[in-house]
Amino acid sequence: MILLSAFLLLGACASGPSSRLKTLGTPSGSGPIQLEVKNGTSAIVNNLFLAKSADVDRAGREAFHDDSPEQAALWGRDLLVKSALEVGGSVRVPVPGPGRFDVRAVARDGREQHVGSLGLRAGGRYVLELGEGGWRPAQ
């Protein structure tokens, strides 16, 4: 069973480019952070979440199980409340302040991407490009 799970995870990750963060220009060191998430995958994203990386690092196993109270407490509200993120589409994501953040995207078919430890600085402009190779089966 462990071998099968590892194979599925590797298969999901090996099918295309990974997600990556692009920095546009040099962060000024003051002012708001602009973060745009671009869907460069073949899947519609139904849910998108942002959490502080330190909180994710400290979270217990239950915080990574679908629909658990611990998961809701860690990731907070869905940033795509009124619509989905279509293939090729993009959405601006509010960032509360500078620091390290994790992004969790959930596709319509239940697969997930977890992009960790994105360093976001004050006055910075960033684009997180979701890639096909980052999908993994839901837990």
C-alpha atoms as a PDB file:
ATOM      1  CA  MET A   1       0.000   0.000   0.000  1.00  0.00           C
ATOM      2  CA  ILE A   2       2.837   2.418   0.834  1.00  0.00           C
ATOM      3  CA  LEU A   3       4.550   1.578  -2.453  1.00  0.00           C
ATOM      4  CA  LEU A   4       1.308   2.207  -4.372  1.00  0.00           C
ATOM      5  CA  SER A   5       0.836   5.564  -2.614  1.00  0.00           C
ATOM      6  CA  ALA A   6       4.409   6.580  -3.419  1.00  0.00           C
ATOM      7  CA  PHE A   7       3.903   5.570  -7.058  1.00  0.00           C
ATOM      8  CA  LEU A   8       0.689   7.606  -7.319  1.00  0.00           C
ATOM      9  CA  LEU A   9       2.369  10.626  -5.744  1.00  0.00           C
ATOM     10  CA  LEU A  10       5.380  10.381  -8.055  1.00  0.00           C
ATOM     11  CA  GLY A  11       3.113   9.848 -11.043  1.00  0.00           C
ATOM     12  CA  ALA A  12       1.090  12.924 -10.174  1.00  0.00           C
ATOM     13  CA  CYS A  13       4.212  15.027  -9.742  1.00  0.00           C
ATOM     14  CA  ALA A  14       6.013  13.773 -12.832  1.00  0.00           C
ATOM     15  CA  SER A  15       3.307  14.679 -15.364  1.00  0.00           C
ATOM     16  CA  GLY A  16       4.303  18.278 -16.030  1.00  0.00           C
ATOM     17  CA  PRO A  17       6.093  21.362 -14.737  1.00  0.00           C
ATOM     18  CA  SER A  18       5.932  22.143 -11.039  1.00  0.00           C
ATOM     19  CA  SER A  19       4.324  25.216  -9.584  1.00  0.00           C
ATOM     20  CA  ARG A  20       6.628  28.199  -9.174  1.00  0.00           C
ATOM     21  CA  LEU A  21       6.669  31.703  -7.771  1.00  0.00           C
ATOM     22  CA  LYS A  22       7.856  34.570  -9.966  1.00  0.00           C
ATOM     23  CA  THR A  23       8.923  37.892  -8.486  1.00  0.00           C
ATOM     24  CA  LEU A  24       8.108  40.870 -10.715  1.00  0.00           C
ATOM     25  CA  GLY A  25      10.746  43.528 -10.126  1.00  0.00           C
ATOM     26  CA  THR A  26      12.341  44.207  -6.770  1.00  0.00           C
ATOM     27  CA  PRO A  27      10.146  44.501  -3.653  1.00  0.00           C
ATOM     28  CA  SER A  28      10.265  48.083  -2.334  1.00  0.00           C
ATOM     29  CA  GLY A  29      10.274  47.057   1.330  1.00  0.00           C
ATOM     30  CA  SER A  30       7.096  48.989   2.111  1.00  0.00           C
ATOM     31  CA  GLY A  31       3.503  48.921   0.973  1.00  0.00           C
ATOM     32  CA  PRO A  32       1.049  46.174   0.104  1.00  0.00           C
ATOM     33  CA  ILE A  33       1.980  42.822  -1.377  1.00  0.00           C
ATOM     34  CA  GLN A  34       0.460  41.915  -4.729  1.00  0.00           C
ATOM     35  CA  LEU A  35       0.060  38.168  -5.253  1.00  0.00           C
ATOM     36  CA  GLU A  36      -1.607  36.754  -8.326  1.00  0.00           C
ATOM     37  CA  VAL A  37      -2.268  33.022  -8.730  1.00  0.00           C
ATOM     38  CA  LYS A  38      -2.311  31.819 -12.318  1.00  0.00           C
ATOM     39  CA  ASN A  39      -3.803  28.454 -13.223  1.00  0.00           C
ATOM     40  CA  GLY A  40      -1.379  26.900 -15.692  1.00  0.00           C
ATOM     41  CA  THR A  41      -2.894  23.435 -15.280  1.00  0.00           C
ATOM     42  CA  SER A  42      -5.584  21.518 -17.134  1.00  0.00           C
ATOM     43  CA  ALA A  43      -7.832  21.436 -14.054  1.00  0.00           C
ATOM     44  CA  ILE A  44     -10.364  23.962 -12.789  1.00  0.00           C
ATOM     45  CA  VAL A  45      -9.462  25.102  -9.256  1.00  0.00           C
ATOM     46  CA  ASN A  46     -12.518  25.215  -6.988  1.00  0.00           C
ATOM     47  CA  ASN A  47     -10.815  26.223  -3.737  1.00  0.00           C
ATOM     48  CA  LEU A  48      -7.768  28.315  -2.890  1.00  0.00           C
ATOM     49  CA  PHE A  49      -6.296  28.933   0.560  1.00  0.00           C
ATOM     50  CA  LEU A  50      -3.398  30.905   2.062  1.00  0.00           C
ATOM     51  CA  ALA A  51      -1.812  30.213   5.457  1.00  0.00           C
ATOM     52  CA  LYS A  52       1.342  31.280   7.270  1.00  0.00           C
ATOM     53  CA  SER A  53       4.086  28.717   6.709  1.00  0.00           C
ATOM     54  CA  ALA A  54       4.971  28.635  10.414  1.00  0.00           C
ATOM     55  CA  ASP A  55       1.375  27.632  11.228  1.00  0.00           C
ATOM     56  CA  VAL A  56       1.456  24.902   8.569  1.00  0.00           C
ATOM     57  CA  ASP A  57       4.787  23.612   9.909  1.00  0.00           C
ATOM     58  CA  ARG A  58       3.366  23.374  13.449  1.00  0.00           C
ATOM     59  CA  ALA A  59       0.066  21.791  12.410  1.00  0.00           C
ATOM     60  CA  GLY A  60      -0.751  18.230  13.354  1.00  0.00           C
ATOM     61  CA  ARG A  61      -1.674  15.487  10.908  1.00  0.00           C
ATOM     62  CA  GLU A  62      -5.395  16.172  11.277  1.00  0.00           C
ATOM     63  CA  ALA A  63      -4.948  19.589   9.656  1.00  0.00           C
ATOM     64  CA  PHE A  64      -4.215  17.815   6.370  1.00  0.00           C
ATOM     65  CA  HIS A  65      -7.340  15.637   6.248  1.00  0.00           C
ATOM     66  CA  ASP A  66     -10.228  16.823   4.105  1.00  0.00           C
ATOM     67  CA  ASP A  67     -13.058  18.577   5.893  1.00  0.00           C
ATOM     68  CA  SER A  68     -11.555  18.235   9.374  1.00  0.00           C
ATOM     69  CA  PRO A  69     -12.033  21.087  11.879  1.00  0.00           C
ATOM     70  CA  GLU A  70      -8.228  21.305  12.147  1.00  0.00           C
ATOM     71  CA  GLN A  71      -7.951  21.795   8.380  1.00  0.00           C
ATOM     72  CA  ALA A  72     -10.531  24.590   8.464  1.00  0.00           C
ATOM     73  CA  ALA A  73      -8.742  26.266  11.377  1.00  0.00           C
ATOM     74  CA  LEU A  74      -5.340  26.122   9.664  1.00  0.00           C
ATOM     75  CA  TRP A  75      -6.307  27.230   6.157  1.00  0.00           C
ATOM     76  CA  GLY A  76      -9.140  29.624   6.974  1.00  0.00           C
ATOM     77  CA  ARG A  77     -11.675  30.769   4.426  1.00  0.00           C
ATOM     78  CA  ASP A  78     -11.689  29.834   0.765  1.00  0.00           C
ATOM     79  CA  LEU A  79     -10.365  32.713  -1.340  1.00  0.00           C
ATOM     80  CA  LEU A  80     -12.508  31.627  -4.314  1.00  0.00           C
ATOM     81  CA  VAL A  81     -15.885  32.052  -2.612  1.00  0.00           C
ATOM     82  CA  LYS A  82     -17.835  33.333  -5.615  1.00  0.00           C
ATOM     83  CA  SER A  83     -16.164  31.569  -8.530  1.00  0.00           C
ATOM     84  CA  ALA A  84     -13.637  28.971  -9.627  1.00  0.00           C
ATOM     85  CA  LEU A  85     -10.217  29.609 -11.127  1.00  0.00           C
ATOM     86  CA  GLU A  86     -10.576  28.483 -14.724  1.00  0.00           C
ATOM     87  CA  VAL A  87      -7.814  26.871 -16.761  1.00  0.00           C
ATOM     88  CA  GLY A  88      -5.507  29.690 -17.894  1.00  0.00           C
ATOM     89  CA  GLY A  89      -7.196  32.161 -15.542  1.00  0.00           C
ATOM     90  CA  SER A  90      -5.707  34.179 -12.723  1.00  0.00           C
ATOM     91  CA  VAL A  91      -6.885  35.714  -9.485  1.00  0.00           C
ATOM     92  CA  ARG A  92      -5.443  38.256  -7.055  1.00  0.00           C
ATOM     93  CA  VAL A  93      -4.968  36.904  -3.549  1.00  0.00           C
ATOM     94  CA  PRO A  94      -4.943  39.178  -0.504  1.00  0.00           C
ATOM     95  CA  VAL A  95      -1.787  38.815   1.592  1.00  0.00           C
ATOM     96  CA  PRO A  96      -2.018  40.083   5.188  1.00  0.00           C
ATOM     97  CA  GLY A  97       1.617  41.194   5.378  1.00  0.00           C
ATOM     98  CA  PRO A  98       5.178  40.154   4.642  1.00  0.00           C
ATOM     99  CA  GLY A  99       6.430  36.720   5.597  1.00  0.00           C
ATOM    100  CA  ARG A 100       6.396  33.109   4.451  1.00  0.00           C
ATOM    101  CA  PHE A 101       3.112  31.637   3.259  1.00  0.00           C
ATOM    102  CA  ASP A 102       1.780  28.332   1.948  1.00  0.00           C
ATOM    103  CA  VAL A 103      -0.880  28.090  -0.754  1.00  0.00           C
ATOM    104  CA  ARG A 104      -3.304  25.183  -1.075  1.00  0.00           C
ATOM    105  CA  ALA A 105      -5.296  24.732  -4.282  1.00  0.00           C
ATOM    106  CA  VAL A 106      -8.057  22.135  -4.666  1.00  0.00           C
ATOM    107  CA  ALA A 107      -9.180  21.080  -8.139  1.00  0.00           C
ATOM    108  CA  ARG A 108     -12.761  20.306  -9.090  1.00  0.00           C
ATOM    109  CA  ASP A 109     -11.836  16.597  -9.277  1.00  0.00           C
ATOM    110  CA  GLY A 110     -10.506  16.621  -5.677  1.00  0.00           C
ATOM    111  CA  ARG A 111      -6.763  16.683  -6.386  1.00  0.00           C
ATOM    112  CA  GLU A 112      -4.700  19.156  -4.373  1.00  0.00           C
ATOM    113  CA  GLN A 113      -1.572  21.241  -4.667  1.00  0.00           C
ATOM    114  CA  HIS A 114       0.329  22.521  -1.651  1.00  0.00           C
ATOM    115  CA  VAL A 115       2.982  25.101  -2.487  1.00  0.00           C
ATOM    116  CA  GLY A 116       5.008  25.867   0.607  1.00  0.00           C
ATOM    117  CA  SER A 117       7.181  28.570   2.060  1.00  0.00           C
ATOM    118  CA  LEU A 118       6.615  31.379  -0.428  1.00  0.00           C
ATOM    119  CA  GLY A 119       8.709  34.334   0.725  1.00  0.00           C
ATOM    120  CA  LEU A 120       6.617  37.473   0.190  1.00  0.00           C
ATOM    121  CA  ARG A 121       8.142  40.871   0.975  1.00  0.00           C
ATOM    122  CA  ALA A 122       6.456  44.225   1.519  1.00  0.00           C
ATOM    123  CA  GLY A 123       5.921  46.164  -1.689  1.00  0.00           C
ATOM    124  CA  GLY A 124       6.532  43.054  -3.768  1.00  0.00           C
ATOM    125  CA  ARG A 125       4.650  41.879  -6.830  1.00  0.00           C
ATOM    126  CA  TYR A 126       4.432  38.128  -7.357  1.00  0.00           C
ATOM    127  CA  VAL A 127       2.815  35.566  -9.648  1.00  0.00           C
ATOM    128  CA  LEU A 128       2.350  31.997  -8.440  1.00  0.00           C
ATOM    129  CA  GLU A 129       2.020  29.795 -11.511  1.00  0.00           C
ATOM    130  CA  LEU A 130       0.286  26.534 -10.695  1.00  0.00           C
ATOM    131  CA  GLY A 131       1.869  23.764 -12.769  1.00  0.00           C
ATOM    132  CA  GLU A 132       0.511  20.392 -13.798  1.00  0.00           C
ATOM    133  CA  GLY A 133       3.249  18.524 -11.907  1.00  0.00           C
ATOM    134  CA  GLY A 134       2.115  19.747  -8.501  1.00  0.00           C
ATOM    135  CA  TRP A 135      -1.186  17.833  -8.301  1.00  0.00           C
ATOM    136  CA  ARG A 136      -1.544  14.956  -5.862  1.00  0.00           C
ATOM    137  CA  PRO A 137      -4.519  12.862  -4.810  1.00  0.00           C
ATOM    138  CA  ALA A 138      -6.661  14.281  -2.021  1.00  0.00           C
ATOM    139  CA  GLN A 139      -5.860  12.942   1.444  1.00  0.00           C
END
